Amino acid sequence: IAPDLSDAELYSIADVVRTVGIDGIIVTNTSVMRPESLKDHKHGSETGGLSGQPLFSRSNEVLKKLYLYTNGSVPLIGVGGIMRTIDVYEKILCGASLVQVYTGLVFNGPVLMKRMLRELGQHSEKDGFKTLQEAVGFKVREEYRIGLLQDGMTPEEAELLHIFEINKIISQTFNCPIFVFLLYHLLCISSLLLIKKKV
């Protein structure tokens, strides 16, 4: 998907992805917009799809939003501005289960892959993760305090709290009363139960 999408469009995409059961999302494609950092660049006014380092920050923001909107249940492929190992690690922290590199590969050559594989473990180990999987979406979970079991809380209670917290965040994003999103979730759950009952 493009990095130029609004939060409302990202939420709609996440909703469709979860409902239909799409296997994953590539986040993000090239951009037709130009960031402020390129405003005074000699090629900044050129048209066409922009890739590489200028997309890094925006791509990460989209990653975090989609990880949040999908409850971390859909594999996200992080792409956009990956030039170094730390960039890969940042994508993982923002919610990427996989990463895709192209501009970085053009400028650094195939040796980049070997270096990234060697150094990724160092970054995750430094942050106290036993596996890279533990690092996936960590920044989102920390920022929004979601998906964390509290003392004495069952997994079912944690899931309900998780749904409530996400709805609260989304309602703030779209300036909409939280009960609207809670009602939406309730209708979705009821529909799924009816479908399962018929099947």
Foldseek 3Di string as FASTA:
>chain_A
DALPDDLVVLLVVLVCCVVVVPQEEEQHFFYQDADPVCPPPPCRPPGDGDFAQRCLVSSLVSLLSSCLSNVLPHAYEGGGHDQALVSVLSSQLSAHPHYDDDPNCVVPNPVRVVRNVVCNVVVCVVVPHPDSNVNGNNVSCVVQVAPDDDPPDDPVRSVVVRQLSSLVVVCVSVVHDSVVSVVVVVVVVVVVVVVVVVD
